[in-house]
N, C-alpha and C. Protein backbone atom coordinates (compact mmCIF):
# COMPACT_ATOMS: atom_id res chain seq x y z
N UNK A 1 23.82 48.55 -14.61
CA UNK A 1 24.36 48.94 -15.29
C UNK A 1 25.70 49.97 -14.84
N UNK A 2 25.62 49.29 -13.23
CA UNK A 2 27.26 49.82 -12.90
C UNK A 2 28.00 48.77 -12.46
N UNK A 3 29.29 48.48 -12.65
CA UNK A 3 30.28 49.57 -13.69
C UNK A 3 29.36 49.91 -14.91
N UNK A 4 30.09 51.48 -15.33
CA UNK A 4 29.74 52.00 -16.64
C UNK A 4 30.50 51.50 -17.16
N UNK A 5 29.77 50.61 -18.63
CA UNK A 5 30.87 50.62 -20.15
C UNK A 5 30.43 51.79 -20.68
N UNK A 6 31.59 52.16 -21.25
CA UNK A 6 31.92 53.18 -22.22
C UNK A 6 30.78 53.20 -23.35
N UNK A 7 29.99 51.44 -23.87
CA UNK A 7 29.53 51.19 -24.84
C UNK A 7 27.81 52.36 -24.74
N UNK A 8 28.13 52.68 -22.71
CA UNK A 8 26.34 52.24 -22.64
C UNK A 8 26.28 53.94 -23.06
N UNK A 9 27.11 54.66 -22.28
CA UNK A 9 27.25 55.78 -22.58
C UNK A 9 27.50 56.47 -23.64
N UNK A 10 27.82 55.93 -24.89
CA UNK A 10 27.76 56.20 -25.57
C UNK A 10 25.95 56.47 -26.66
N UNK A 11 25.42 55.30 -25.93
CA UNK A 11 24.16 55.17 -26.34
C UNK A 11 23.16 56.52 -26.00
N UNK A 12 23.73 57.20 -24.74
CA UNK A 12 22.76 58.02 -23.85
C UNK A 12 23.24 59.41 -25.13
N UNK A 13 21.78 60.18 -24.55
CA UNK A 13 21.79 61.98 -25.29
C UNK A 13 21.04 62.37 -24.08
N UNK A 14 21.28 63.62 -24.48
CA UNK A 14 20.83 64.46 -22.93
C UNK A 14 19.06 64.59 -23.13
N UNK A 15 18.43 64.22 -22.07
CA UNK A 15 17.00 64.14 -22.07
C UNK A 15 16.48 62.56 -21.78
N UNK A 16 17.99 61.94 -22.36
CA UNK A 16 17.13 60.31 -22.18
C UNK A 16 17.46 59.96 -20.29
N UNK A 17 16.42 59.42 -19.84
CA UNK A 17 15.80 59.31 -18.58
C UNK A 17 16.20 57.61 -18.70
N UNK A 18 17.21 57.77 -17.36
CA UNK A 18 18.34 56.60 -16.67
C UNK A 18 16.87 55.74 -15.29
N UNK A 19 17.31 54.16 -15.63
CA UNK A 19 17.22 53.55 -14.41
C UNK A 19 18.94 53.11 -13.71
N UNK A 20 19.39 53.97 -13.27
CA UNK A 20 20.49 53.25 -13.07
C UNK A 20 20.52 52.08 -11.66
N UNK A 21 21.18 50.69 -11.27
CA UNK A 21 21.18 49.61 -10.71
C UNK A 21 22.58 49.57 -10.48
N UNK A 22 23.19 49.26 -9.76
CA UNK A 22 24.00 48.64 -9.01
C UNK A 22 24.87 49.61 -7.49
N UNK A 23 26.23 49.74 -7.86
CA UNK A 23 26.79 50.39 -6.76
C UNK A 23 26.41 52.29 -7.68
N UNK A 24 27.00 52.77 -6.45
CA UNK A 24 27.41 54.03 -6.87
C UNK A 24 28.02 54.81 -5.36
N UNK A 25 28.66 55.61 -5.17
CA UNK A 25 29.69 56.48 -4.21
C UNK A 25 28.46 57.37 -4.30
N UNK A 26 28.87 57.81 -2.67
CA UNK A 26 28.52 59.36 -2.26
C UNK A 26 29.19 59.95 -2.14
N UNK A 27 29.32 61.81 -2.22
CA UNK A 27 30.43 62.09 -1.89
C UNK A 27 30.11 63.96 -2.55
N UNK A 28 30.08 64.73 -2.06
CA UNK A 28 29.67 65.92 -1.77
C UNK A 28 31.13 66.93 -1.74
N UNK A 29 31.30 67.95 -1.63
CA UNK A 29 32.48 68.94 -1.98
C UNK A 29 33.72 68.31 -0.95
N UNK A 30 33.71 67.86 0.78
CA UNK A 30 34.39 68.04 1.53
C UNK A 30 35.37 66.79 1.14
N UNK A 31 34.52 66.06 0.66
CA UNK A 31 34.83 64.48 0.51
C UNK A 31 35.75 64.66 -0.74
N UNK A 32 34.87 65.81 -1.99
CA UNK A 32 36.25 65.47 -3.14
C UNK A 32 37.25 66.13 -3.27
N UNK A 33 37.87 67.41 -2.29
CA UNK A 33 38.63 67.76 -1.65
C UNK A 33 39.35 66.96 -1.31
N UNK A 34 39.11 65.97 -0.50
CA UNK A 34 39.93 64.86 0.12
C UNK A 34 40.43 64.19 -1.13
N UNK A 35 39.90 63.74 -1.97
CA UNK A 35 40.30 62.67 -2.76
C UNK A 35 41.14 63.11 -3.61
N UNK A 36 40.54 64.49 -4.28
CA UNK A 36 41.93 65.29 -4.97
C UNK A 36 43.25 65.37 -4.17
N UNK A 37 43.27 65.08 -3.08
CA UNK A 37 44.35 65.67 -1.96
C UNK A 37 45.08 64.35 -2.18
N UNK A 38 44.17 62.67 -1.93
CA UNK A 38 44.93 61.63 -1.96
C UNK A 38 45.13 61.15 -3.36
N UNK A 39 44.62 62.03 -4.78
CA UNK A 39 45.40 61.65 -6.29
C UNK A 39 46.66 62.54 -5.88
N UNK A 40 46.44 63.62 -5.66
CA UNK A 40 48.17 64.97 -5.15
C UNK A 40 49.36 64.45 -5.23
N UNK A 41 48.84 63.26 -3.85
CA UNK A 41 49.33 62.78 -2.97
C UNK A 41 49.89 61.15 -3.90
N UNK A 42 49.51 60.24 -4.41
CA UNK A 42 49.55 59.91 -4.75
C UNK A 42 49.04 58.43 -4.39
N UNK A 43 48.03 58.71 -3.44
CA UNK A 43 47.69 57.78 -2.21
C UNK A 43 46.68 57.05 -3.19
N UNK A 44 46.75 55.43 -2.86
CA UNK A 44 44.90 54.90 -3.34
C UNK A 44 43.93 55.40 -2.86
N UNK A 45 42.95 55.21 -3.72
CA UNK A 45 41.76 55.78 -3.29
C UNK A 45 40.79 54.87 -2.78
N UNK A 46 39.61 55.74 -1.39
CA UNK A 46 39.39 54.02 -0.92
C UNK A 46 38.60 53.57 -1.33
N UNK A 47 37.91 53.45 -2.92
CA UNK A 47 37.27 52.79 -3.52
C UNK A 47 37.38 52.82 -5.33
N UNK A 48 37.44 51.73 -6.00
CA UNK A 48 37.62 52.06 -7.65
C UNK A 48 36.72 52.54 -7.83
N UNK A 49 37.73 54.03 -8.93
CA UNK A 49 36.72 55.53 -9.41
C UNK A 49 36.45 54.53 -10.67
N UNK A 50 37.39 53.78 -11.36
CA UNK A 50 37.30 53.99 -12.58
C UNK A 50 35.81 52.79 -13.10
N UNK A 51 34.70 53.75 -13.55
CA UNK A 51 33.91 53.62 -14.76
C UNK A 51 32.77 53.44 -13.62
N UNK A 52 32.97 54.04 -12.04
CA UNK A 52 32.07 54.76 -11.11
C UNK A 52 31.18 55.73 -11.52
N UNK A 53 30.50 55.69 -10.60
CA UNK A 53 29.31 56.55 -10.18
C UNK A 53 29.28 57.16 -8.86
N UNK A 54 29.81 59.05 -9.03
CA UNK A 54 29.43 59.27 -7.73
C UNK A 54 28.13 60.33 -7.61
N UNK A 55 27.31 59.82 -6.47
CA UNK A 55 26.41 61.21 -6.36
C UNK A 55 26.33 62.04 -5.13
N UNK A 56 25.94 63.10 -5.66
CA UNK A 56 26.48 64.58 -5.01
C UNK A 56 25.28 64.38 -3.37
N UNK A 57 25.07 63.74 -2.73
CA UNK A 57 24.28 64.10 -1.35
C UNK A 57 24.68 63.89 -0.75
N UNK A 58 24.13 64.46 0.82
CA UNK A 58 24.57 64.28 1.88
C UNK A 58 23.27 63.66 2.52
N UNK A 59 22.78 61.96 2.45
CA UNK A 59 21.76 61.34 3.15
C UNK A 59 21.78 62.17 4.55
N UNK A 60 20.02 62.16 4.95
CA UNK A 60 20.26 62.07 6.20
C UNK A 60 20.29 60.77 7.65
N UNK A 61 20.28 60.15 8.15
CA UNK A 61 20.78 59.70 8.94
C UNK A 61 19.66 58.20 8.37
N UNK A 62 19.59 57.21 8.87
CA UNK A 62 18.30 56.25 8.56
C UNK A 62 17.68 56.21 9.73
N UNK A 63 16.46 55.94 9.67
CA UNK A 63 15.33 55.93 11.03
C UNK A 63 15.24 54.20 10.86
N UNK A 64 14.75 53.77 12.18
CA UNK A 64 15.02 52.15 12.24
C UNK A 64 14.24 51.62 10.98
N UNK A 65 14.43 50.82 10.31
CA UNK A 65 13.82 49.35 9.74
C UNK A 65 14.26 50.01 8.11
N UNK A 66 15.38 50.93 7.76
CA UNK A 66 14.98 51.76 6.88
C UNK A 66 16.73 51.78 6.24
N UNK A 67 17.34 51.43 4.69
CA UNK A 67 18.42 51.49 4.95
C UNK A 67 19.15 53.09 4.72
N UNK A 68 18.80 53.75 4.21
CA UNK A 68 19.31 55.45 4.18
C UNK A 68 18.11 56.29 4.67
N UNK A 69 18.07 57.48 4.79
CA UNK A 69 17.73 58.62 5.28
C UNK A 69 17.06 59.13 3.57
N UNK A 70 16.35 60.60 4.15
CA UNK A 70 16.52 60.86 2.79
C UNK A 70 18.11 61.34 2.08
N UNK A 71 17.80 61.05 0.75
CA UNK A 71 18.96 61.61 0.09
C UNK A 71 18.76 61.58 -1.41
N UNK A 72 18.44 63.27 -1.27
CA UNK A 72 18.33 64.15 -2.99
C UNK A 72 19.37 64.82 -3.31
N UNK A 73 19.37 65.20 -4.34
CA UNK A 73 20.66 65.32 -4.97
C UNK A 73 20.83 67.23 -4.16
N UNK A 74 22.29 67.15 -4.29
CA UNK A 74 22.37 68.64 -3.61
C UNK A 74 23.35 69.50 -5.28
N UNK A 75 23.60 70.57 -4.99
CA UNK A 75 24.05 71.32 -6.13
C UNK A 75 25.28 70.84 -6.72
N UNK A 76 25.67 70.89 -7.91
CA UNK A 76 26.66 70.00 -8.09
C UNK A 76 28.08 70.82 -8.38
N UNK A 77 27.41 72.51 -8.72
CA UNK A 77 28.87 73.18 -8.91
C UNK A 77 29.91 73.10 -8.82
N UNK A 78 29.52 73.18 -6.99
CA UNK A 78 30.34 73.32 -6.32
C UNK A 78 31.32 71.91 -5.88
N UNK A 79 31.20 70.67 -6.98
CA UNK A 79 32.24 69.40 -7.67
C UNK A 79 33.52 69.75 -8.55
N UNK A 80 32.92 71.14 -9.95
CA UNK A 80 33.26 71.53 -10.88
C UNK A 80 35.00 71.49 -10.73
N UNK A 81 35.40 72.42 -8.99
CA UNK A 81 37.12 72.33 -9.43
C UNK A 81 37.87 71.13 -9.02
N UNK A 82 36.83 69.87 -8.72
CA UNK A 82 37.55 69.24 -8.69
C UNK A 82 37.41 68.00 -9.01
N UNK A 83 36.65 67.54 -10.18
CA UNK A 83 36.51 67.06 -11.34
C UNK A 83 37.15 66.20 -12.27
N UNK A 84 37.94 67.05 -12.46
CA UNK A 84 38.90 66.34 -13.56
C UNK A 84 39.84 65.49 -13.47
N UNK A 85 40.45 66.10 -12.17
CA UNK A 85 41.74 64.42 -11.77
C UNK A 85 40.67 63.69 -11.45
N UNK A 86 38.99 63.08 -10.89
CA UNK A 86 38.63 62.13 -10.61
C UNK A 86 37.99 61.09 -12.09
N UNK A 87 38.21 62.39 -13.26
CA UNK A 87 37.82 62.40 -14.40
C UNK A 87 38.83 61.19 -15.15
N UNK A 88 39.97 61.70 -14.79
CA UNK A 88 41.44 60.93 -14.89
C UNK A 88 41.14 59.88 -14.56
N UNK A 89 40.45 59.74 -13.21
CA UNK A 89 41.04 58.54 -13.08
C UNK A 89 39.86 57.48 -13.43
N UNK A 90 39.01 57.66 -14.00
CA UNK A 90 38.16 57.07 -15.10
C UNK A 90 36.77 57.23 -14.11
N UNK A 91 36.14 58.15 -13.67
CA UNK A 91 35.24 58.16 -13.36
C UNK A 91 34.05 58.82 -14.50
N UNK A 92 33.07 57.83 -14.48
CA UNK A 92 32.01 58.11 -15.93
C UNK A 92 30.94 58.89 -15.17
N UNK A 93 29.86 59.22 -14.46
CA UNK A 93 29.12 59.31 -14.44
C UNK A 93 28.95 60.11 -12.67
N UNK A 94 28.34 61.20 -13.23
CA UNK A 94 28.49 61.98 -11.55
C UNK A 94 27.18 62.27 -11.60
N UNK A 95 26.24 62.32 -10.29
CA UNK A 95 24.63 62.88 -10.41
C UNK A 95 24.53 63.63 -9.27
N UNK A 96 23.56 65.12 -9.39
CA UNK A 96 22.95 65.73 -8.77
C UNK A 96 22.47 66.75 -9.15
N UNK A 97 22.16 67.71 -8.74
CA UNK A 97 21.12 68.73 -9.77
C UNK A 97 21.85 70.39 -10.05
N UNK A 98 21.13 70.92 -10.74
CA UNK A 98 21.89 72.39 -11.22
C UNK A 98 22.70 71.75 -12.23
N UNK A 99 23.09 73.38 -12.89
CA UNK A 99 23.90 73.79 -14.46
C UNK A 99 25.13 73.35 -13.67
N UNK A 100 26.41 72.77 -14.77
CA UNK A 100 27.46 73.42 -14.40
C UNK A 100 28.10 74.16 -15.07
N UNK A 101 29.97 74.07 -15.47
CA UNK A 101 30.27 74.95 -15.85
C UNK A 101 30.41 74.47 -17.37
N UNK A 102 30.82 75.25 -18.12
CA UNK A 102 31.32 75.29 -19.20
C UNK A 102 32.63 74.61 -19.87
N UNK A 103 34.02 74.53 -18.45
CA UNK A 103 35.04 74.00 -18.19
C UNK A 103 34.46 72.29 -18.05
N UNK A 104 33.50 72.59 -16.93
CA UNK A 104 33.02 70.31 -16.89
C UNK A 104 32.07 70.32 -18.25
N UNK A 105 31.84 70.67 -18.78
CA UNK A 105 30.85 70.07 -20.73
C UNK A 105 32.03 69.59 -21.00
N UNK A 106 33.24 70.67 -21.13
CA UNK A 106 34.05 70.07 -22.24
C UNK A 106 35.16 68.94 -21.34
N UNK A 107 34.87 68.87 -20.45
CA UNK A 107 35.78 67.58 -20.05
C UNK A 107 35.04 66.14 -20.12
N UNK A 108 33.94 66.85 -19.89
CA UNK A 108 32.58 65.72 -20.26
C UNK A 108 32.69 64.51 -21.33
N UNK A 109 33.35 66.08 -22.59
CA UNK A 109 33.23 65.62 -24.03
C UNK A 109 34.65 64.72 -23.54
N UNK A 110 35.60 65.87 -22.97
CA UNK A 110 36.84 65.10 -23.44
C UNK A 110 37.53 63.57 -23.30
N UNK A 111 36.42 63.49 -22.03
CA UNK A 111 36.95 62.32 -20.81
C UNK A 111 35.65 61.16 -21.18
N UNK A 112 34.43 61.49 -21.88
CA UNK A 112 33.56 60.80 -22.33
C UNK A 112 32.82 59.86 -20.64
N UNK A 113 32.24 61.05 -20.24
CA UNK A 113 31.63 60.29 -18.89
C UNK A 113 30.72 61.53 -19.28
N UNK A 114 29.28 61.45 -18.63
CA UNK A 114 28.25 62.25 -18.15
C UNK A 114 27.77 62.71 -16.89
N UNK A 115 26.61 63.58 -16.93
CA UNK A 115 26.55 64.31 -15.97
C UNK A 115 24.71 64.07 -15.94
N UNK A 116 23.77 63.35 -15.04
CA UNK A 116 23.16 62.41 -14.45
C UNK A 116 22.34 64.13 -13.50
N UNK A 117 20.74 64.56 -13.65
CA UNK A 117 20.20 65.17 -12.33
C UNK A 117 18.99 64.04 -12.24
N UNK A 118 19.27 64.16 -11.12
CA UNK A 118 18.48 63.35 -9.79
C UNK A 118 17.59 64.67 -9.74
N UNK A 119 16.35 64.36 -9.17
CA UNK A 119 14.99 65.39 -9.15
C UNK A 119 15.18 66.25 -7.41
N UNK A 120 15.25 67.44 -7.55
CA UNK A 120 15.52 67.80 -6.02
C UNK A 120 14.51 67.95 -5.92
N UNK A 121 13.78 67.89 -4.14
CA UNK A 121 12.54 67.43 -3.40
C UNK A 121 12.09 66.27 -4.25
N UNK A 122 12.67 65.40 -4.31
CA UNK A 122 12.02 63.64 -4.03
C UNK A 122 12.65 62.74 -3.26
N UNK A 123 13.89 63.93 -2.51
CA UNK A 123 15.21 63.21 -1.06
C UNK A 123 13.84 61.39 -0.86
N UNK A 124 12.81 61.16 -0.43
CA UNK A 124 12.44 60.86 0.66
C UNK A 124 12.35 59.63 -0.79
N UNK A 125 11.53 60.04 -1.78
CA UNK A 125 11.67 58.86 -2.94
C UNK A 125 12.66 58.61 -2.94
N UNK A 126 13.28 59.07 -3.67
CA UNK A 126 14.87 58.48 -3.70
C UNK A 126 15.75 57.37 -3.04
N UNK A 127 15.69 57.48 -1.53
CA UNK A 127 15.92 57.20 -1.13
C UNK A 127 14.89 55.18 -1.12
N UNK A 128 13.72 55.67 -1.53
CA UNK A 128 13.18 53.82 -1.97
C UNK A 128 14.28 52.97 -2.95
N UNK A 129 15.05 53.26 -3.88
CA UNK A 129 15.64 53.06 -4.69
C UNK A 129 17.22 52.51 -4.19
N UNK A 130 17.33 53.22 -2.54
CA UNK A 130 18.40 52.24 -2.22
C UNK A 130 18.68 50.91 -1.58
N UNK A 131 19.21 49.77 -1.87
CA UNK A 131 18.69 48.80 -1.14
C UNK A 131 19.73 48.49 0.23
N UNK A 132 21.47 48.80 -0.08
CA UNK A 132 22.65 48.68 0.79
C UNK A 132 22.66 50.50 0.58
N UNK A 133 23.87 50.12 2.52
CA UNK A 133 24.36 51.57 2.00
C UNK A 133 25.29 51.31 3.38
N UNK A 134 26.33 51.34 2.76
CA UNK A 134 27.79 51.02 3.34
C UNK A 134 28.68 52.12 3.41
N UNK A 135 29.49 52.03 4.74
CA UNK A 135 30.50 53.50 4.70
C UNK A 135 31.85 53.10 4.07
N UNK A 136 32.06 53.95 3.26
CA UNK A 136 33.05 53.82 2.39
C UNK A 136 34.62 54.58 3.37
N UNK A 137 34.71 55.74 3.24
CA UNK A 137 35.66 56.75 3.92
C UNK A 137 35.06 57.72 4.32
N UNK A 138 36.23 58.42 5.67
CA UNK A 138 35.68 60.07 5.40
C UNK A 138 34.89 60.29 6.43
N UNK A 139 34.50 59.70 7.61
CA UNK A 139 33.24 59.07 8.16
C UNK A 139 33.41 60.29 9.19
N UNK A 140 34.19 61.24 9.73
CA UNK A 140 34.94 61.95 10.38
C UNK A 140 33.52 63.29 9.48
N UNK A 141 33.45 63.52 8.37
CA UNK A 141 32.71 64.13 7.11
C UNK A 141 30.98 64.73 8.17
N UNK A 142 30.55 63.08 8.09
CA UNK A 142 29.51 63.06 8.92
C UNK A 142 28.17 63.01 7.54
N UNK A 143 27.45 63.87 7.13
CA UNK A 143 26.72 63.40 5.76
C UNK A 143 26.90 63.24 5.00
N UNK A 144 28.57 64.18 5.11
CA UNK A 144 29.51 64.30 3.19
C UNK A 144 30.07 62.90 3.78
N UNK A 145 29.80 61.99 4.50
CA UNK A 145 31.41 61.36 3.81
C UNK A 145 31.29 59.68 2.43
N UNK A 146 31.96 59.39 2.49
CA UNK A 146 31.86 58.33 1.21
C UNK A 146 30.65 57.45 1.59
N UNK A 147 30.25 56.99 1.18
CA UNK A 147 29.57 56.17 1.30
C UNK A 147 28.74 55.35 -0.25
N UNK A 148 29.06 53.57 0.05
CA UNK A 148 28.33 53.37 -0.85
C UNK A 148 26.94 52.84 -0.95
N UNK A 149 26.61 52.43 -2.18
CA UNK A 149 24.80 52.43 -1.87
C UNK A 149 24.91 51.69 -2.99
N UNK A 150 23.88 50.73 -3.27
CA UNK A 150 23.24 49.64 -3.41
C UNK A 150 22.10 50.38 -4.07
N UNK A 151 21.81 49.93 -5.28
CA UNK A 151 20.63 51.31 -6.08
C UNK A 151 19.92 50.25 -7.19
N UNK A 152 18.71 50.33 -7.06
CA UNK A 152 17.84 49.90 -7.50
C UNK A 152 16.66 50.57 -8.85
N UNK A 153 16.85 50.62 -9.69
CA UNK A 153 16.35 51.85 -10.51
C UNK A 153 16.37 53.17 -10.00
N UNK A 154 17.49 53.67 -9.74
CA UNK A 154 17.32 55.31 -9.82
C UNK A 154 17.31 55.52 -10.77
N UNK A 155 16.07 57.09 -10.27
CA UNK A 155 15.54 57.99 -11.77
C UNK A 155 16.54 58.75 -11.53
N UNK A 156 17.08 59.22 -12.94
CA UNK A 156 17.56 60.31 -13.30
C UNK A 156 17.68 60.70 -14.86
N UNK A 157 17.78 61.92 -15.69
CA UNK A 157 17.93 62.50 -16.12
C UNK A 157 18.87 62.80 -16.94
N UNK A 158 19.79 62.58 -18.01
CA UNK A 158 20.95 62.55 -18.51
C UNK A 158 21.04 64.18 -19.33
N UNK A 159 21.97 65.26 -18.41
CA UNK A 159 21.30 66.31 -18.27
C UNK A 159 22.74 67.08 -19.85
N UNK A 160 23.97 66.20 -19.52
CA UNK A 160 24.89 66.56 -20.34
C UNK A 160 25.44 65.24 -20.44
N UNK A 161 25.38 64.82 -21.71
CA UNK A 161 26.16 63.81 -22.74
C UNK A 161 27.67 63.99 -22.60
N UNK A 162 28.09 62.56 -23.77
CA UNK A 162 29.59 62.88 -24.13
C UNK A 162 29.83 63.19 -25.31
N UNK A 163 28.98 63.69 -26.00
CA UNK A 163 28.65 65.03 -27.46
C UNK A 163 28.66 65.85 -27.09
N UNK A 164 28.52 66.53 -25.99
CA UNK A 164 28.39 67.91 -26.43
C UNK A 164 26.99 68.44 -25.83
N UNK A 165 25.85 67.03 -25.87
CA UNK A 165 24.75 68.00 -25.86
C UNK A 165 24.29 68.68 -23.99
N UNK A 166 23.33 69.28 -24.13
CA UNK A 166 22.99 69.74 -22.48
C UNK A 166 21.52 70.16 -22.75
N UNK A 167 21.02 69.53 -21.47
CA UNK A 167 19.48 69.51 -21.51
C UNK A 167 18.73 70.80 -20.94
N UNK A 168 19.60 70.93 -20.82
CA UNK A 168 19.46 72.58 -19.88
C UNK A 168 19.60 73.41 -20.72
N UNK A 169 20.47 73.63 -21.76
CA UNK A 169 20.19 75.05 -22.61
C UNK A 169 19.91 74.26 -23.86
N UNK A 170 18.94 73.25 -24.14
CA UNK A 170 18.49 72.81 -25.19
C UNK A 170 17.42 72.87 -24.53
N UNK A 171 16.56 72.75 -23.48
CA UNK A 171 15.58 73.26 -23.07
C UNK A 171 14.76 74.49 -23.22
N UNK A 172 15.83 75.17 -22.71
CA UNK A 172 15.77 76.69 -22.34
C UNK A 172 15.29 77.28 -24.18
N UNK A 173 16.18 76.81 -24.76
CA UNK A 173 15.76 77.29 -26.46
C UNK A 173 14.77 76.75 -26.52
N UNK A 174 14.06 75.13 -26.66
CA UNK A 174 12.30 74.81 -26.79
C UNK A 174 11.21 75.84 -26.05
N UNK A 175 11.79 76.55 -25.06
CA UNK A 175 11.02 76.99 -24.25
C UNK A 175 11.20 78.34 -24.82
N UNK A 176 11.97 78.54 -24.94
CA UNK A 176 11.60 80.50 -25.31
C UNK A 176 11.06 80.47 -26.89
N UNK A 177 11.30 79.72 -28.06
CA UNK A 177 10.68 79.35 -29.16
C UNK A 177 9.29 78.90 -29.13
N UNK A 178 8.62 78.18 -28.06
CA UNK A 178 7.64 78.21 -28.01
C UNK A 178 6.61 79.38 -27.54
N UNK A 179 7.51 80.08 -26.13
CA UNK A 179 6.34 81.22 -26.04
C UNK A 179 6.89 82.36 -27.04
N UNK A 180 7.83 82.55 -27.66
CA UNK A 180 7.63 83.21 -28.92
C UNK A 180 6.18 82.81 -30.04
N UNK A 181 6.34 81.57 -30.23
CA UNK A 181 5.37 81.53 -30.99
C UNK A 181 3.89 81.96 -30.40
N UNK A 182 3.78 81.87 -28.99
CA UNK A 182 2.64 81.85 -28.37
C UNK A 182 2.01 83.28 -28.57
N UNK A 183 3.88 84.37 -28.30
CA UNK A 183 2.92 86.04 -28.29
C UNK A 183 2.19 86.53 -29.63
């Protein structure tokens, strides 16, 4: 599924389950800040961000015989301030956990990108989807360095789609409707 094709994104709706296979990149707020500084300075990015996937994660060190340590998602709202420059460069998929700002959801519609949620608390399980793990940039950031991961059947759920669909909002509405029926 990676690199991402816009036709693939057009088929996704909030609530869909996806199994990603291919290349994804890791990065958290410190790495995002540096990427945005590079964009502002006109410096070439350390990887081709066009049609790419970024996973908000700071993996733990791999134990002997493993490709990567536990690699569960981090809270995504911290990346909101850095997202538009990356979307302008062609970023198409972000993976993390938790809600994002309304401004971010509007940017996803504008740039035809999606936000996926990985399951928090399943870091050890997620690591089993990673088949390769290669440092790419900012190794001085330790766990927050950018890494190129090759993944197979990485489980995630479409949280926000390119049409403005919002799994979190829709889920709350369904829950409230069901609760009110049972009162």
